[in-house]
């Protein structure tokens, strides 16, 4: 939920609109579902994920680069699917 004062900031409101649009109607095994939203009121509700946020688990892979990359691959694929963007690497 965006606080009423934050909703008045165009950049914050636009970000909320983009996030809701990216999640609306999407069903991916590695992304929690958007259950309901009212962008004009500044809120959205997502399904409960019992393991918590990714940030909560940062110590789990500390110092284990390969395991971290392998564990995060489904997340990266999910974000790529949601945003439907092609990422190009240039040297």
N, C-alpha and C. Protein backbone atom coordinates (compact mmCIF):
# COMPACT_ATOMS: atom_id res chain seq x y z
N UNK A 1 0.85 -1.17 0.00
CA UNK A 1 0.00 0.00 0.00
C UNK A 1 0.88 1.23 0.00
N UNK A 2 0.56 2.14 -0.86
CA UNK A 2 1.28 3.40 -0.88
C UNK A 2 0.58 4.40 0.04
N UNK A 3 1.36 5.04 0.88
CA UNK A 3 0.83 6.09 1.74
C UNK A 3 0.27 7.20 0.85
N UNK A 4 -0.75 7.87 1.33
CA UNK A 4 -1.42 8.90 0.54
C UNK A 4 -0.44 9.95 0.01
N UNK A 5 0.52 10.35 0.82
CA UNK A 5 1.50 11.35 0.38
C UNK A 5 2.40 10.80 -0.73
N UNK A 6 2.74 9.53 -0.64
CA UNK A 6 3.60 8.90 -1.66
C UNK A 6 2.84 8.76 -2.97
N UNK A 7 1.54 8.47 -2.89
CA UNK A 7 0.72 8.34 -4.11
C UNK A 7 0.73 9.62 -4.93
N UNK A 8 0.98 10.75 -4.30
CA UNK A 8 1.01 12.03 -5.01
C UNK A 8 2.30 12.24 -5.79
N UNK A 9 3.28 11.38 -5.56
CA UNK A 9 4.55 11.48 -6.29
C UNK A 9 4.40 10.69 -7.59
N UNK A 10 4.43 11.37 -8.72
CA UNK A 10 4.18 10.69 -10.00
C UNK A 10 5.06 9.47 -10.24
N UNK A 11 6.32 9.54 -9.89
CA UNK A 11 7.23 8.42 -10.12
C UNK A 11 6.83 7.20 -9.29
N UNK A 12 6.42 7.40 -8.05
CA UNK A 12 6.01 6.29 -7.19
C UNK A 12 4.70 5.68 -7.69
N UNK A 13 3.77 6.51 -8.08
CA UNK A 13 2.48 6.03 -8.58
C UNK A 13 2.68 5.25 -9.89
N UNK A 14 3.54 5.76 -10.75
CA UNK A 14 3.82 5.08 -12.03
C UNK A 14 4.46 3.72 -11.79
N UNK A 15 5.33 3.63 -10.79
CA UNK A 15 5.96 2.34 -10.48
C UNK A 15 4.91 1.34 -10.01
N UNK A 16 3.99 1.79 -9.17
CA UNK A 16 2.91 0.91 -8.71
C UNK A 16 2.09 0.42 -9.90
N UNK A 17 1.76 1.32 -10.81
CA UNK A 17 1.01 0.94 -12.01
C UNK A 17 1.76 -0.12 -12.81
N UNK A 18 3.07 0.07 -13.00
CA UNK A 18 3.87 -0.89 -13.76
C UNK A 18 3.93 -2.25 -13.07
N UNK A 19 4.11 -2.25 -11.76
CA UNK A 19 4.19 -3.52 -11.03
C UNK A 19 2.89 -4.29 -11.12
N UNK A 20 1.78 -3.61 -10.94
CA UNK A 20 0.47 -4.27 -11.02
C UNK A 20 0.23 -4.77 -12.44
N UNK A 21 0.57 -3.96 -13.43
CA UNK A 21 0.38 -4.38 -14.82
C UNK A 21 1.24 -5.60 -15.15
N UNK A 22 2.48 -5.64 -14.63
CA UNK A 22 3.37 -6.77 -14.91
C UNK A 22 2.86 -8.06 -14.29
N UNK A 23 2.18 -7.96 -13.16
CA UNK A 23 1.70 -9.15 -12.47
C UNK A 23 0.26 -9.55 -12.81
N UNK A 24 -0.50 -8.63 -13.35
CA UNK A 24 -1.91 -8.90 -13.63
C UNK A 24 -2.08 -10.05 -14.62
N UNK A 25 -2.86 -11.03 -14.22
CA UNK A 25 -3.17 -12.15 -15.10
C UNK A 25 -2.02 -13.09 -15.36
N UNK A 26 -0.91 -12.92 -14.67
CA UNK A 26 0.25 -13.78 -14.89
C UNK A 26 0.20 -14.95 -13.93
N UNK A 27 0.66 -16.09 -14.42
CA UNK A 27 0.72 -17.28 -13.59
C UNK A 27 2.05 -17.96 -13.87
N UNK A 28 2.98 -17.83 -12.95
CA UNK A 28 4.30 -18.42 -13.11
C UNK A 28 4.66 -19.14 -11.82
N UNK A 29 5.22 -20.33 -11.91
CA UNK A 29 5.51 -21.10 -10.69
C UNK A 29 6.51 -20.45 -9.74
N UNK A 30 7.27 -19.48 -10.20
CA UNK A 30 8.29 -18.85 -9.36
C UNK A 30 7.95 -17.40 -8.99
N UNK A 31 6.70 -17.02 -9.16
CA UNK A 31 6.27 -15.66 -8.82
C UNK A 31 4.96 -15.76 -8.06
N UNK A 32 4.88 -15.04 -6.93
CA UNK A 32 3.62 -15.04 -6.19
C UNK A 32 2.54 -14.35 -7.02
N UNK A 33 1.32 -14.80 -6.86
CA UNK A 33 0.20 -14.28 -7.66
C UNK A 33 -0.35 -12.98 -7.09
N UNK A 34 -0.74 -12.11 -7.99
CA UNK A 34 -1.46 -10.90 -7.63
C UNK A 34 -2.92 -11.30 -7.43
N UNK A 35 -3.47 -11.08 -6.25
CA UNK A 35 -4.83 -11.50 -5.96
C UNK A 35 -5.85 -10.41 -6.23
N UNK A 36 -5.50 -9.20 -5.86
CA UNK A 36 -6.44 -8.09 -6.03
C UNK A 36 -5.66 -6.78 -6.01
N UNK A 37 -6.20 -5.77 -6.66
CA UNK A 37 -5.52 -4.48 -6.66
C UNK A 37 -6.50 -3.35 -6.93
N UNK A 38 -6.11 -2.19 -6.46
CA UNK A 38 -6.82 -0.94 -6.76
C UNK A 38 -5.74 0.13 -6.86
N UNK A 39 -5.22 0.29 -8.05
CA UNK A 39 -4.10 1.21 -8.26
C UNK A 39 -4.49 2.63 -7.89
N UNK A 40 -5.70 3.05 -8.22
CA UNK A 40 -6.10 4.42 -7.90
C UNK A 40 -6.12 4.67 -6.39
N UNK A 41 -6.37 3.61 -5.61
CA UNK A 41 -6.33 3.74 -4.15
C UNK A 41 -4.93 3.45 -3.59
N UNK A 42 -4.04 2.98 -4.48
CA UNK A 42 -2.65 2.79 -4.10
C UNK A 42 -2.32 1.50 -3.38
N UNK A 43 -3.03 0.40 -3.71
CA UNK A 43 -2.73 -0.85 -3.02
C UNK A 43 -2.88 -2.06 -3.94
N UNK A 44 -2.23 -3.15 -3.53
CA UNK A 44 -2.43 -4.45 -4.16
C UNK A 44 -2.15 -5.54 -3.13
N UNK A 45 -2.72 -6.71 -3.37
CA UNK A 45 -2.58 -7.85 -2.47
C UNK A 45 -2.02 -9.02 -3.27
N UNK A 46 -1.01 -9.66 -2.71
CA UNK A 46 -0.41 -10.83 -3.36
C UNK A 46 -0.61 -12.04 -2.46
N UNK A 47 -0.50 -13.23 -3.05
CA UNK A 47 -0.64 -14.45 -2.26
C UNK A 47 0.46 -14.51 -1.21
N UNK A 48 0.17 -15.23 -0.14
CA UNK A 48 1.13 -15.41 0.95
C UNK A 48 2.21 -16.40 0.54
N UNK A 49 3.44 -16.05 0.80
CA UNK A 49 4.57 -16.93 0.53
C UNK A 49 5.22 -17.25 1.86
N UNK A 50 5.06 -18.48 2.37
CA UNK A 50 5.47 -18.81 3.73
C UNK A 50 6.97 -18.74 4.02
N UNK A 51 7.80 -18.78 3.00
CA UNK A 51 9.25 -18.73 3.25
C UNK A 51 9.79 -17.32 3.36
N UNK A 52 8.96 -16.32 3.17
CA UNK A 52 9.40 -14.94 3.32
C UNK A 52 10.08 -14.41 2.07
N UNK A 53 10.68 -13.26 2.23
CA UNK A 53 11.32 -12.59 1.10
C UNK A 53 12.69 -13.19 0.80
N UNK A 54 13.17 -12.90 -0.39
CA UNK A 54 14.50 -13.35 -0.79
C UNK A 54 15.55 -12.75 0.14
N UNK A 55 15.34 -11.52 0.54
CA UNK A 55 16.29 -10.85 1.42
C UNK A 55 16.48 -11.60 2.74
N UNK A 56 15.45 -12.25 3.19
CA UNK A 56 15.49 -13.01 4.45
C UNK A 56 16.48 -14.18 4.37
N UNK A 57 16.80 -14.63 3.17
CA UNK A 57 17.63 -15.82 2.98
C UNK A 57 19.02 -15.54 2.42
N UNK A 58 19.48 -14.32 2.51
CA UNK A 58 20.78 -13.98 1.92
C UNK A 58 21.95 -14.74 2.54
N UNK A 59 21.88 -15.04 3.83
CA UNK A 59 22.98 -15.77 4.48
C UNK A 59 23.09 -17.21 4.02
N UNK A 60 22.02 -17.76 3.50
CA UNK A 60 22.00 -19.15 3.09
C UNK A 60 23.07 -19.48 2.05
N UNK A 61 23.33 -18.55 1.12
CA UNK A 61 24.26 -18.82 0.03
C UNK A 61 25.54 -18.00 0.11
N UNK A 62 25.76 -17.30 1.20
CA UNK A 62 26.96 -16.47 1.33
C UNK A 62 28.22 -17.32 1.12
N UNK A 63 29.07 -16.87 0.18
CA UNK A 63 30.32 -17.57 -0.10
C UNK A 63 30.18 -18.78 -1.00
N UNK A 64 28.99 -18.99 -1.56
CA UNK A 64 28.73 -20.15 -2.42
C UNK A 64 28.17 -19.65 -3.76
N UNK A 65 29.03 -19.10 -4.56
CA UNK A 65 28.61 -18.43 -5.80
C UNK A 65 27.87 -19.35 -6.77
N UNK A 66 28.39 -20.52 -7.04
CA UNK A 66 27.75 -21.41 -8.01
C UNK A 66 26.36 -21.83 -7.53
N UNK A 67 26.25 -22.22 -6.26
CA UNK A 67 24.96 -22.62 -5.72
C UNK A 67 23.96 -21.47 -5.77
N UNK A 68 24.46 -20.26 -5.53
CA UNK A 68 23.60 -19.08 -5.57
C UNK A 68 23.06 -18.86 -6.98
N UNK A 69 23.93 -18.93 -7.96
CA UNK A 69 23.50 -18.74 -9.35
C UNK A 69 22.49 -19.79 -9.77
N UNK A 70 22.74 -21.03 -9.39
CA UNK A 70 21.81 -22.11 -9.74
C UNK A 70 20.45 -21.93 -9.05
N UNK A 71 20.47 -21.49 -7.82
CA UNK A 71 19.22 -21.28 -7.08
C UNK A 71 18.44 -20.10 -7.61
N UNK A 72 19.13 -19.07 -8.10
CA UNK A 72 18.46 -17.86 -8.58
C UNK A 72 17.99 -17.96 -10.03
N UNK A 73 18.43 -18.96 -10.74
CA UNK A 73 18.06 -19.08 -12.15
C UNK A 73 16.54 -19.05 -12.37
N UNK A 74 15.74 -19.83 -11.60
CA UNK A 74 14.28 -19.77 -11.79
C UNK A 74 13.71 -18.37 -11.56
N UNK A 75 14.30 -17.65 -10.61
CA UNK A 75 13.83 -16.29 -10.35
C UNK A 75 14.13 -15.37 -11.54
N UNK A 76 15.32 -15.48 -12.07
CA UNK A 76 15.70 -14.66 -13.23
C UNK A 76 14.80 -14.99 -14.42
N UNK A 77 14.54 -16.27 -14.65
CA UNK A 77 13.66 -16.66 -15.74
C UNK A 77 12.24 -16.12 -15.53
N UNK A 78 11.77 -16.13 -14.29
CA UNK A 78 10.43 -15.61 -14.00
C UNK A 78 10.35 -14.11 -14.27
N UNK A 79 11.35 -13.37 -13.83
CA UNK A 79 11.35 -11.92 -14.05
C UNK A 79 11.43 -11.62 -15.54
N UNK A 80 12.24 -12.37 -16.27
CA UNK A 80 12.34 -12.18 -17.71
C UNK A 80 11.00 -12.44 -18.38
N UNK A 81 10.32 -13.49 -17.95
CA UNK A 81 9.00 -13.81 -18.50
C UNK A 81 8.01 -12.69 -18.21
N UNK A 82 8.01 -12.21 -16.97
CA UNK A 82 7.06 -11.16 -16.59
C UNK A 82 7.26 -9.87 -17.36
N UNK A 83 8.48 -9.50 -17.55
CA UNK A 83 8.76 -8.22 -18.22
C UNK A 83 8.94 -8.36 -19.72
N UNK A 84 9.02 -9.60 -20.20
CA UNK A 84 9.12 -9.89 -21.63
C UNK A 84 10.14 -9.01 -22.33
N UNK A 85 11.30 -8.91 -21.71
CA UNK A 85 12.37 -8.12 -22.29
C UNK A 85 13.51 -9.01 -22.70
N UNK A 86 14.17 -8.65 -23.76
CA UNK A 86 15.35 -9.36 -24.20
C UNK A 86 16.54 -8.58 -23.67
N UNK A 87 17.40 -9.27 -22.93
CA UNK A 87 18.56 -8.63 -22.35
C UNK A 87 19.75 -8.89 -23.26
N UNK A 88 20.40 -7.83 -23.70
CA UNK A 88 21.53 -7.94 -24.59
C UNK A 88 22.79 -7.50 -23.86
N UNK A 89 23.83 -8.32 -23.89
CA UNK A 89 25.10 -7.97 -23.27
C UNK A 89 26.04 -7.47 -24.37
N UNK A 90 26.65 -6.33 -24.10
CA UNK A 90 27.59 -5.75 -25.08
C UNK A 90 28.93 -5.55 -24.40
N UNK A 91 29.99 -5.96 -25.06
CA UNK A 91 31.34 -5.75 -24.51
C UNK A 91 31.90 -4.45 -25.02
